[in-house]
PDB file of all heavy atoms in Angstrom:
ATOM      1  N   LEU A   1      94.932  93.086  99.138  1.00  0.00           N
ATOM      2  CA  LEU A   1      94.217  92.810 100.378  1.00  0.00           C
ATOM      3  C   LEU A   1      92.722  92.749 100.074  1.00  0.00           C
ATOM      4  O   LEU A   1      92.177  93.628  99.392  1.00  0.00           O
ATOM      5  CB  LEU A   1      94.503  93.902 101.409  1.00  0.00           C
ATOM      6  CG  LEU A   1      95.986  94.103 101.775  1.00  0.00           C
ATOM      7  CD1 LEU A   1      96.123  95.241 102.775  1.00  0.00           C
ATOM      8  CD2 LEU A   1      96.582  92.834 102.323  1.00  0.00           C
ATOM      9  N   PRO A   2      92.038  91.736 100.561  1.00  0.00           N
ATOM     10  CA  PRO A   2      90.602  91.579 100.250  1.00  0.00           C
ATOM     11  C   PRO A   2      89.759  92.628 100.970  1.00  0.00           C
ATOM     12  O   PRO A   2      90.241  93.328 101.860  1.00  0.00           O
ATOM     13  CB  PRO A   2      90.290  90.159 100.745  1.00  0.00           C
ATOM     14  CG  PRO A   2      91.305  89.895 101.800  1.00  0.00           C
ATOM     15  CD  PRO A   2      92.552  90.612 101.366  1.00  0.00           C
ATOM     16  N   PRO A   3      88.472  92.774 100.615  1.00  0.00           N
ATOM     17  CA  PRO A   3      87.613  93.828 101.186  1.00  0.00           C
ATOM     18  C   PRO A   3      87.505  93.769 102.700  1.00  0.00           C
ATOM     19  O   PRO A   3      87.490  94.791 103.361  1.00  0.00           O
ATOM     20  CB  PRO A   3      86.260  93.593 100.516  1.00  0.00           C
ATOM     21  CG  PRO A   3      86.584  92.862  99.258  1.00  0.00           C
ATOM     22  CD  PRO A   3      87.785  92.019  99.555  1.00  0.00           C
ATOM     23  N   GLY A   4      87.458  92.583 103.291  1.00  0.00           N
ATOM     24  CA  GLY A   4      87.289  92.492 104.730  1.00  0.00           C
ATOM     25  C   GLY A   4      88.436  93.101 105.500  1.00  0.00           C
ATOM     26  O   GLY A   4      88.280  93.529 106.645  1.00  0.00           O
ATOM     27  N   VAL A   5      89.637  93.167 104.906  1.00  0.00           N
ATOM     28  CA  VAL A   5      90.808  93.700 105.594  1.00  0.00           C
ATOM     29  C   VAL A   5      90.889  95.204 105.409  1.00  0.00           C
ATOM     30  O   VAL A   5      91.490  95.909 106.209  1.00  0.00           O
ATOM     31  CB  VAL A   5      92.087  93.006 105.072  1.00  0.00           C
ATOM     32  CG1 VAL A   5      93.325  93.538 105.767  1.00  0.00           C
ATOM     33  CG2 VAL A   5      91.968  91.504 105.274  1.00  0.00           C
ATOM     34  N   THR A   6      90.268  95.738 104.361  1.00  0.00           N
ATOM     35  CA  THR A   6      90.424  97.152 104.036  1.00  0.00           C
ATOM     36  C   THR A   6      89.456  98.055 104.773  1.00  0.00           C
ATOM     37  O   THR A   6      89.398  99.247 104.517  1.00  0.00           O
ATOM     38  CB  THR A   6      90.232  97.356 102.523  1.00  0.00           C
ATOM     39  OG1 THR A   6      88.910  96.934 102.174  1.00  0.00           O
ATOM     40  CG2 THR A   6      91.244  96.559 101.743  1.00  0.00           C
ATOM     41  N   THR A   7      88.655  97.524 105.692  1.00  0.00           N
ATOM     42  CA  THR A   7      87.728  98.366 106.439  1.00  0.00           C
ATOM     43  C   THR A   7      88.406  99.094 107.582  1.00  0.00           C
ATOM     44  O   THR A   7      87.772  99.873 108.279  1.00  0.00           O
ATOM     45  CB  THR A   7      86.589  97.503 106.997  1.00  0.00           C
ATOM     46  OG1 THR A   7      87.150  96.478 107.829  1.00  0.00           O
ATOM     47  CG2 THR A   7      85.797  96.866 105.870  1.00  0.00           C
ATOM     48  N   ALA A   8      89.704  98.816 107.776  1.00  0.00           N
ATOM     49  CA  ALA A   8      90.424  99.493 108.853  1.00  0.00           C
ATOM     50  C   ALA A   8      90.701 100.932 108.445  1.00  0.00           C
ATOM     51  O   ALA A   8      90.387 101.368 107.338  1.00  0.00           O
ATOM     52  CB  ALA A   8      91.721  98.750 109.162  1.00  0.00           C
ATOM     53  N   SER A   9      91.352 101.678 109.365  1.00  0.00           N
ATOM     54  CA  SER A   9      91.609 103.097 109.111  1.00  0.00           C
ATOM     55  C   SER A   9      92.720 103.270 108.099  1.00  0.00           C
ATOM     56  O   SER A   9      93.411 102.330 107.719  1.00  0.00           O
ATOM     57  CB  SER A   9      91.998 103.780 110.433  1.00  0.00           C
ATOM     58  OG  SER A   9      93.236 103.271 110.889  1.00  0.00           O
ATOM     59  N   ALA A  10      92.907 104.547 107.687  1.00  0.00           N
ATOM     60  CA  ALA A  10      93.985 104.845 106.737  1.00  0.00           C
ATOM     61  C   ALA A  10      95.345 104.548 107.315  1.00  0.00           C
ATOM     62  O   ALA A  10      96.302 104.293 106.597  1.00  0.00           O
ATOM     63  CB  ALA A  10      93.897 106.309 106.316  1.00  0.00           C
ATOM     64  N   GLY A  11      95.454 104.623 108.650  1.00  0.00           N
ATOM     65  CA  GLY A  11      96.736 104.299 109.279  1.00  0.00           C
ATOM     66  C   GLY A  11      97.175 102.892 108.975  1.00  0.00           C
ATOM     67  O   GLY A  11      98.350 102.616 108.769  1.00  0.00           O
ATOM     68  N   THR A  12      96.265 101.959 108.948  1.00  0.00           N
ATOM     69  CA  THR A  12      96.612 100.575 108.624  1.00  0.00           C
ATOM     70  C   THR A  12      97.170 100.484 107.211  1.00  0.00           C
ATOM     71  O   THR A  12      98.130  99.758 106.947  1.00  0.00           O
ATOM     72  CB  THR A  12      95.376  99.672 108.769  1.00  0.00           C
ATOM     73  OG1 THR A  12      94.886  99.769 110.100  1.00  0.00           O
ATOM     74  CG2 THR A  12      95.732  98.230 108.467  1.00  0.00           C
ATOM     75  N   MET A  13      96.592 101.231 106.295  1.00  0.00           N
ATOM     76  CA  MET A  13      97.112 101.237 104.937  1.00  0.00           C
ATOM     77  C   MET A  13      98.531 101.820 104.898  1.00  0.00           C
ATOM     78  O   MET A  13      99.400 101.359 104.164  1.00  0.00           O
ATOM     79  CB  MET A  13      96.184 102.053 104.028  1.00  0.00           C
ATOM     80  CG  MET A  13      94.800 101.459 103.852  1.00  0.00           C
ATOM     81  SD  MET A  13      94.828  99.802 103.090  1.00  0.00           S
ATOM     82  CE  MET A  13      94.654  98.761 104.567  1.00  0.00           C
ATOM     83  N   GLU A  14      98.749 102.858 105.697  1.00  0.00           N
ATOM     84  CA  GLU A  14     100.078 103.461 105.737  1.00  0.00           C
ATOM     85  C   GLU A  14     101.099 102.478 106.306  1.00  0.00           C
ATOM     86  O   GLU A  14     102.216 102.369 105.805  1.00  0.00           O
ATOM     87  CB  GLU A  14     100.049 104.740 106.562  1.00  0.00           C
ATOM     88  CG  GLU A  14     101.396 105.475 106.599  1.00  0.00           C
ATOM     89  CD  GLU A  14     101.317 106.762 107.407  1.00  0.00           C
ATOM     90  OE1 GLU A  14     100.235 107.085 107.923  1.00  0.00           O
ATOM     91  OE2 GLU A  14     102.361 107.422 107.522  1.00  0.00           O
ATOM     92  N   GLU A  15     100.717 101.761 107.364  1.00  0.00           N
ATOM     93  CA  GLU A  15     101.613 100.764 107.930  1.00  0.00           C
ATOM     94  C   GLU A  15     101.939  99.683 106.907  1.00  0.00           C
ATOM     95  O   GLU A  15     103.093  99.255 106.770  1.00  0.00           O
ATOM     96  CB  GLU A  15     100.974 100.144 109.165  1.00  0.00           C
ATOM     97  CG  GLU A  15     100.833 101.087 110.341  1.00  0.00           C
ATOM     98  CD  GLU A  15     100.030 100.464 111.471  1.00  0.00           C
ATOM     99  OE1 GLU A  15      99.807  99.235 111.409  1.00  0.00           O
ATOM    100  OE2 GLU A  15      99.652 101.179 112.396  1.00  0.00           O
ATOM    101  N   ALA A  16     100.910  99.232 106.217  1.00  0.00           N
ATOM    102  CA  ALA A  16     101.135  98.203 105.202  1.00  0.00           C
ATOM    103  C   ALA A  16     102.093  98.706 104.121  1.00  0.00           C
ATOM    104  O   ALA A  16     102.990  97.985 103.663  1.00  0.00           O
ATOM    105  CB  ALA A  16      99.800  97.782 104.588  1.00  0.00           C
ATOM    106  N   GLU A  17     101.893  99.967 103.718  1.00  0.00           N
ATOM    107  CA  GLU A  17     102.770 100.533 102.692  1.00  0.00           C
ATOM    108  C   GLU A  17     104.213 100.624 103.186  1.00  0.00           C
ATOM    109  O   GLU A  17     105.166 100.330 102.454  1.00  0.00           O
ATOM    110  CB  GLU A  17     102.253 101.916 102.291  1.00  0.00           C
ATOM    111  CG  GLU A  17     103.032 102.528 101.132  1.00  0.00           C
ATOM    112  CD  GLU A  17     102.423 103.836 100.683  1.00  0.00           C
ATOM    113  OE1 GLU A  17     101.415 104.260 101.286  1.00  0.00           O
ATOM    114  OE2 GLU A  17     102.951 104.426  99.738  1.00  0.00           O
ATOM    115  N   ILE A  18     104.395 101.035 104.465  1.00  0.00           N
ATOM    116  CA  ILE A  18     105.754 101.137 105.023  1.00  0.00           C
ATOM    117  C   ILE A  18     106.420  99.766 105.094  1.00  0.00           C
ATOM    118  O   ILE A  18     107.593  99.592 104.739  1.00  0.00           O
ATOM    119  CB  ILE A  18     105.697 101.797 106.418  1.00  0.00           C
ATOM    120  CG1 ILE A  18     105.287 103.263 106.281  1.00  0.00           C
ATOM    121  CG2 ILE A  18     107.044 101.687 107.122  1.00  0.00           C
ATOM    122  CD1 ILE A  18     105.027 103.945 107.618  1.00  0.00           C
ATOM    123  N   LEU A  19     105.648  98.760 105.555  1.00  0.00           N
ATOM    124  CA  LEU A  19     106.221  97.410 105.638  1.00  0.00           C
ATOM    125  C   LEU A  19     106.605  96.890 104.257  1.00  0.00           C
ATOM    126  O   LEU A  19     107.673  96.303 104.063  1.00  0.00           O
ATOM    127  CB  LEU A  19     105.212  96.468 106.306  1.00  0.00           C
ATOM    128  CG  LEU A  19     104.930  96.719 107.797  1.00  0.00           C
ATOM    129  CD1 LEU A  19     103.854  95.762 108.291  1.00  0.00           C
ATOM    130  CD2 LEU A  19     106.198  96.552 108.616  1.00  0.00           C
ATOM    131  N   LEU A  20     105.711  97.121 103.293  1.00  0.00           N
ATOM    132  CA  LEU A  20     106.019  96.665 101.937  1.00  0.00           C
ATOM    133  C   LEU A  20     107.237  97.398 101.370  1.00  0.00           C
ATOM    134  O   LEU A  20     108.074  96.808 100.674  1.00  0.00           O
ATOM    135  CB  LEU A  20     104.810  96.880 101.032  1.00  0.00           C
ATOM    136  CG  LEU A  20     103.642  95.917 101.240  1.00  0.00           C
ATOM    137  CD1 LEU A  20     102.436  96.369 100.428  1.00  0.00           C
ATOM    138  CD2 LEU A  20     104.049  94.501 100.863  1.00  0.00           C
ATOM    139  N   ALA A  21     107.346  98.704 101.674  1.00  0.00           N
ATOM    140  CA  ALA A  21     108.500  99.461 101.187  1.00  0.00           C
ATOM    141  C   ALA A  21     109.793  98.910 101.768  1.00  0.00           C
ATOM    142  O   ALA A  21     110.809  98.773 101.077  1.00  0.00           O
ATOM    143  CB  ALA A  21     108.340 100.940 101.541  1.00  0.00           C
ATOM    144  N   ARG A  22     109.778  98.586 103.067  1.00  0.00           N
ATOM    145  CA  ARG A  22     110.992  98.033 103.682  1.00  0.00           C
ATOM    146  C   ARG A  22     111.344  96.682 103.086  1.00  0.00           C
ATOM    147  O   ARG A  22     112.506  96.382 102.809  1.00  0.00           O
ATOM    148  CB  ARG A  22     110.784  97.905 105.190  1.00  0.00           C
ATOM    149  CG  ARG A  22     112.004  97.326 105.899  1.00  0.00           C
ATOM    150  CD  ARG A  22     111.904  97.406 107.388  1.00  0.00           C
ATOM    151  NE  ARG A  22     113.099  96.878 108.016  1.00  0.00           N
ATOM    152  CZ  ARG A  22     113.301  96.824 109.329  1.00  0.00           C
ATOM    153  NH1 ARG A  22     112.368  97.295 110.152  1.00  0.00           N
ATOM    154  NH2 ARG A  22     114.417  96.323 109.825  1.00  0.00           N
ATOM    155  N   ILE A  23     110.321  95.841 102.896  1.00  0.00           N
ATOM    156  CA  ILE A  23     110.581  94.530 102.293  1.00  0.00           C
ATOM    157  C   ILE A  23     111.181  94.696 100.902  1.00  0.00           C
ATOM    158  O   ILE A  23     112.154  94.028 100.527  1.00  0.00           O
ATOM    159  CB  ILE A  23     109.276  93.714 102.243  1.00  0.00           C
ATOM    160  CG1 ILE A  23     108.834  93.346 103.660  1.00  0.00           C
ATOM    161  CG2 ILE A  23     109.463  92.458 101.394  1.00  0.00           C
ATOM    162  CD1 ILE A  23     107.441  92.744 103.731  1.00  0.00           C
ATOM    163  N   CYS A  24     110.633  95.609 100.112  1.00  0.00           N
ATOM    164  CA  CYS A  24     111.104  95.776  98.737  1.00  0.00           C
ATOM    165  C   CYS A  24     112.509  96.381  98.702  1.00  0.00           C
ATOM    166  O   CYS A  24     113.297  96.074  97.808  1.00  0.00           O
ATOM    167  CB  CYS A  24     110.118  96.634  97.948  1.00  0.00           C
ATOM    168  SG  CYS A  24     108.546  95.789  97.633  1.00  0.00           S
ATOM    169  N   GLU A  25     112.834  97.282  99.645  1.00  0.00           N
ATOM    170  CA  GLU A  25     114.203  97.806  99.698  1.00  0.00           C
ATOM    171  C   GLU A  25     115.206  96.673  99.907  1.00  0.00           C
ATOM    172  O   GLU A  25     116.248  96.608  99.248  1.00  0.00           O
ATOM    173  CB  GLU A  25     114.319  98.821 100.834  1.00  0.00           C
ATOM    174  CG  GLU A  25     113.660 100.160 100.553  1.00  0.00           C
ATOM    175  CD  GLU A  25     113.756 101.095 101.757  1.00  0.00           C
ATOM    176  OE1 GLU A  25     114.408 100.708 102.746  1.00  0.00           O
ATOM    177  OE2 GLU A  25     113.165 102.181 101.699  1.00  0.00           O
TER     178      GLU A  25
END
């Protein structure tokens, strides 16, 4: 994710991680 997208809160990162985990499963 580029710098402009990473200025959100840690929750956004957690959501992204959960979505990626589900996709990879």
